[in-house]
C-alpha atoms as a PDB file:
ATOM      1  CA  MET A   1    -186.300 -74.746 120.385  1.00  0.00           C
ATOM      2  CA  VAL A   2    -189.774 -73.693 120.341  1.00  0.00           C
ATOM      3  CA  ILE A   3    -188.547 -69.788 119.705  1.00  0.00           C
ATOM      4  CA  PHE A   4    -186.153 -71.359 116.870  1.00  0.00           C
ATOM      5  CA  ALA A   5    -188.889 -73.379 115.092  1.00  0.00           C
ATOM      6  CA  ALA A   6    -191.494 -70.227 115.227  1.00  0.00           C
ATOM      7  CA  ILE A   7    -188.970 -68.127 113.461  1.00  0.00           C
ATOM      8  CA  ILE A   8    -188.354 -71.064 111.055  1.00  0.00           C
ATOM      9  CA  ILE A   9    -191.963 -71.086 110.384  1.00  0.00           C
ATOM     10  CA  ALA A  10    -192.396 -67.205 110.144  1.00  0.00           C
ATOM     11  CA  ILE A  11    -189.390 -67.267 107.834  1.00  0.00           C
ATOM     12  CA  ILE A  12    -191.011 -69.866 105.488  1.00  0.00           C
ATOM     13  CA  TYR A  13    -194.541 -68.126 105.631  1.00  0.00           C
ATOM     14  CA  ALA A  14    -193.006 -64.813 104.426  1.00  0.00           C
ATOM     15  CA  VAL A  15    -190.606 -66.312 101.803  1.00  0.00           C
ATOM     16  CA  PHE A  16    -194.079 -67.932 100.740  1.00  0.00           C
ATOM     17  CA  GLN A  17    -196.169 -64.880 100.755  1.00  0.00           C
ATOM     18  CA  GLY A  18    -193.416 -62.758  98.803  1.00  0.00           C
ATOM     19  CA  ILE A  19    -193.311 -65.352  96.119  1.00  0.00           C
ATOM     20  CA  ASN A  20    -197.143 -65.572  95.769  1.00  0.00           C
ATOM     21  CA  SER A  21    -197.475 -61.603  95.653  1.00  0.00           C
ATOM     22  CA  ASP A  22    -194.578 -60.831  93.686  1.00  0.00           C
ATOM     23  CA  SER A  23    -196.067 -63.994  91.054  1.00  0.00           C
ATOM     24  CA  ALA A  24    -199.542 -62.256  90.888  1.00  0.00           C
ATOM     25  CA  GLY A  25    -198.421 -58.794  90.735  1.00  0.00           C
ATOM     26  CA  ASP A  26    -195.799 -59.587  87.822  1.00  0.00           C
ATOM     27  CA  SER A  27    -198.887 -61.758  85.486  1.00  0.00           C
ATOM     28  CA  SER A  28    -201.106 -58.800  86.007  1.00  0.00           C
ATOM     29  CA  ASP A  29    -198.452 -56.257  84.939  1.00  0.00           C
ATOM     30  CA  GLU A  30    -197.288 -58.773  81.924  1.00  0.00           C
ATOM     31  CA  ILE A  31    -200.910 -58.669  80.877  1.00  0.00           C
ATOM     32  CA  GLN A  32    -201.861 -54.905  80.854  1.00  0.00           C
ATOM     33  CA  ALA A  33    -198.483 -54.746  78.936  1.00  0.00           C
ATOM     34  CA  ALA A  34    -199.548 -57.293  76.659  1.00  0.00           C
ATOM     35  CA  ALA A  35    -202.861 -55.482  75.886  1.00  0.00           C
ATOM     36  CA  PHE A  36    -200.988 -52.536  74.881  1.00  0.00           C
ATOM     37  CA  GLN A  37    -199.030 -54.613  72.206  1.00  0.00           C
ATOM     38  CA  ILE A  38    -202.145 -56.118  70.993  1.00  0.00           C
ATOM     39  CA  ALA A  39    -203.829 -52.991  70.664  1.00  0.00           C
ATOM     40  CA  LYS A  40    -201.058 -51.506  68.580  1.00  0.00           C
ATOM     41  CA  GLN A  41    -201.046 -54.841  66.685  1.00  0.00           C
ATOM     42  CA  GLU A  42    -205.073 -54.217  65.603  1.00  0.00           C
ATOM     43  CA  VAL A  43    -204.435 -50.527  65.132  1.00  0.00           C
ATOM     44  CA  LYS A  44    -201.593 -51.399  62.494  1.00  0.00           C
ATOM     45  CA  SER A  45    -204.137 -53.465  60.832  1.00  0.00           C
ATOM     46  CA  GLN A  46    -206.224 -50.967  59.994  1.00  0.00           C
ATOM     47  CA  LEU A  47    -203.487 -48.507  58.540  1.00  0.00           C
ATOM     48  CA  ASN A  48    -202.701 -48.089  54.978  1.00  0.00           C
ATOM     49  CA  ASN A  49    -198.636 -48.105  55.918  1.00  0.00           C
ATOM     50  CA  PRO A  50    -198.646 -50.037  59.191  1.00  0.00           C
ATOM     51  CA  ALA A  51    -194.761 -49.583  58.873  1.00  0.00           C
ATOM     52  CA  THR A  52    -194.815 -45.991  59.160  1.00  0.00           C
ATOM     53  CA  ALA A  53    -196.898 -46.142  62.351  1.00  0.00           C
ATOM     54  CA  ASP A  54    -195.349 -44.313  65.289  1.00  0.00           C
ATOM     55  CA  PHE A  55    -197.100 -44.714  68.322  1.00  0.00           C
ATOM     56  CA  SER A  56    -196.933 -41.925  71.396  1.00  0.00           C
ATOM     57  CA  LEU A  57    -196.339 -43.040  74.625  1.00  0.00           C
ATOM     58  CA  MET A  58    -196.897 -39.929  76.167  1.00  0.00           C
ATOM     59  CA  SER A  59    -200.555 -39.930  75.236  1.00  0.00           C
ATOM     60  CA  VAL A  60    -201.517 -43.839  75.978  1.00  0.00           C
ATOM     61  CA  THR A  61    -203.893 -44.189  78.651  1.00  0.00           C
ATOM     62  CA  ARG A  62    -204.979 -47.376  79.909  1.00  0.00           C
ATOM     63  CA  GLU A  63    -208.250 -48.564  81.730  1.00  0.00           C
ATOM     64  CA  LYS A  64    -208.832 -52.250  83.198  1.00  0.00           C
ATOM     65  CA  PHE A  65    -212.002 -53.418  84.022  1.00  0.00           C
ATOM     66  CA  GLY A  66    -212.820 -56.269  86.385  1.00  0.00           C
ATOM     67  CA  ASP A  67    -213.017 -59.097  83.873  1.00  0.00           C
ATOM     68  CA  ASN A  68    -209.512 -58.812  82.157  1.00  0.00           C
ATOM     69  CA  THR A  69    -211.106 -56.209  79.644  1.00  0.00           C
ATOM     70  CA  TYR A  70    -208.982 -53.199  78.662  1.00  0.00           C
ATOM     71  CA  ARG A  71    -209.364 -50.157  76.889  1.00  0.00           C
ATOM     72  CA  ILE A  72    -206.368 -48.825  75.280  1.00  0.00           C
ATOM     73  CA  LYS A  73    -206.455 -45.252  73.834  1.00  0.00           C
ATOM     74  CA  GLY A  74    -203.597 -42.962  72.343  1.00  0.00           C
ATOM     75  CA  THR A  75    -202.243 -41.457  69.584  1.00  0.00           C
ATOM     76  CA  LEU A  76    -200.135 -41.807  66.596  1.00  0.00           C
ATOM     77  CA  THR A  77    -198.764 -40.706  63.298  1.00  0.00           C
ATOM     78  CA  ALA A  78    -198.648 -42.793  59.928  1.00  0.00           C
ATOM     79  CA  GLU A  79    -198.502 -42.288  56.500  1.00  0.00           C
ATOM     80  CA  ASN A  80    -201.898 -42.247  54.684  1.00  0.00           C
ATOM     81  CA  SER A  81    -202.406 -44.084  51.262  1.00  0.00           C
ATOM     82  CA  PHE A  82    -200.844 -40.790  49.522  1.00  0.00           C
ATOM     83  CA  GLY A  83    -197.708 -41.356  51.670  1.00  0.00           C
ATOM     84  CA  VAL A  84    -198.697 -37.952  53.562  1.00  0.00           C
ATOM     85  CA  GLU A  85    -198.171 -38.218  57.384  1.00  0.00           C
ATOM     86  CA  GLN A  86    -201.018 -37.791  59.495  1.00  0.00           C
ATOM     87  CA  ALA A  87    -201.767 -37.780  63.045  1.00  0.00           C
ATOM     88  CA  LEU A  88    -204.383 -40.344  64.622  1.00  0.00           C
ATOM     89  CA  ARG A  89    -206.094 -41.313  67.517  1.00  0.00           C
ATOM     90  CA  TYR A  90    -207.078 -44.764  68.674  1.00  0.00           C
ATOM     91  CA  THR A  91    -209.425 -46.764  70.898  1.00  0.00           C
ATOM     92  CA  VAL A  92    -209.268 -50.469  71.386  1.00  0.00           C
ATOM     93  CA  THR A  93    -211.130 -52.509  74.000  1.00  0.00           C
ATOM     94  CA  LEU A  94    -209.912 -56.035  74.217  1.00  0.00           C
ATOM     95  CA  THR A  95    -210.292 -58.750  76.744  1.00  0.00           C
ATOM     96  CA  TYR A  96    -207.990 -61.590  77.606  1.00  0.00           C
ATOM     97  CA  PHE A  97    -209.017 -64.964  78.479  1.00  0.00           C
ATOM     98  CA  GLU A  98    -206.317 -67.492  78.434  1.00  0.00           C
ATOM     99  CA  GLY A  99    -203.246 -68.627  76.916  1.00  0.00           C
ATOM    100  CA  ASN A 100    -199.892 -66.297  76.439  1.00  0.00           C
ATOM    101  CA  PRO A 101    -201.056 -62.886  76.657  1.00  0.00           C
ATOM    102  CA  LEU A 102    -198.465 -61.889  73.715  1.00  0.00           C
ATOM    103  CA  ASP A 103    -200.620 -64.202  71.645  1.00  0.00           C
ATOM    104  CA  ARG A 104    -203.611 -62.620  69.669  1.00  0.00           C
ATOM    105  CA  SER A 105    -205.478 -65.500  69.709  1.00  0.00           C
ATOM    106  CA  SER A 106    -205.426 -65.050  73.179  1.00  0.00           C
ATOM    107  CA  TRP A 107    -207.649 -61.865  73.395  1.00  0.00           C
ATOM    108  CA  ASN A 108    -211.198 -60.794  71.839  1.00  0.00           C
ATOM    109  CA  ILE A 109    -210.996 -57.369  70.407  1.00  0.00           C
ATOM    110  CA  THR A 110    -214.472 -55.628  70.996  1.00  0.00           C
ATOM    111  CA  THR A 111    -213.577 -52.613  69.375  1.00  0.00           C
ATOM    112  CA  CYS A 112    -210.763 -50.764  67.561  1.00  0.00           C
ATOM    113  CA  GLU A 113    -211.435 -47.323  66.349  1.00  0.00           C
ATOM    114  CA  VAL A 114    -208.859 -45.245  64.260  1.00  0.00           C
ATOM    115  CA  LYS A 115    -209.763 -41.805  63.432  1.00  0.00           C
ATOM    116  CA  GLU A 116    -208.000 -38.492  62.186  1.00  0.00           C
ATOM    117  CA  ASN A 117    -206.905 -36.428  64.978  1.00  0.00           C
ATOM    118  CA  ARG A 118    -208.268 -32.868  65.124  1.00  0.00           C
END
């Protein structure tokens, strides 16, 4: 009987630990993915023709700092005001503070730089 109770307790403990670790991992991954989406929105807001923006996923780098601050860097192509496609690079630093990670109002954008990629 004691062995049976110990096994049940061990199973409950393992299930509980698995649920907690999955939830923490998902929320961190979700916030990091949202950081990239919010950064893209911010970059698009600085473009002359945001609908033409084509973000390269191969060039994206993400740095996470301990306080839910992220620095997203990458490249994209977009048409300039003359309709000519140009290569650009961007750096966005942003901090998540609370709420829905996909909502722009849940973030504080510290910097957003978009420059010609030479």
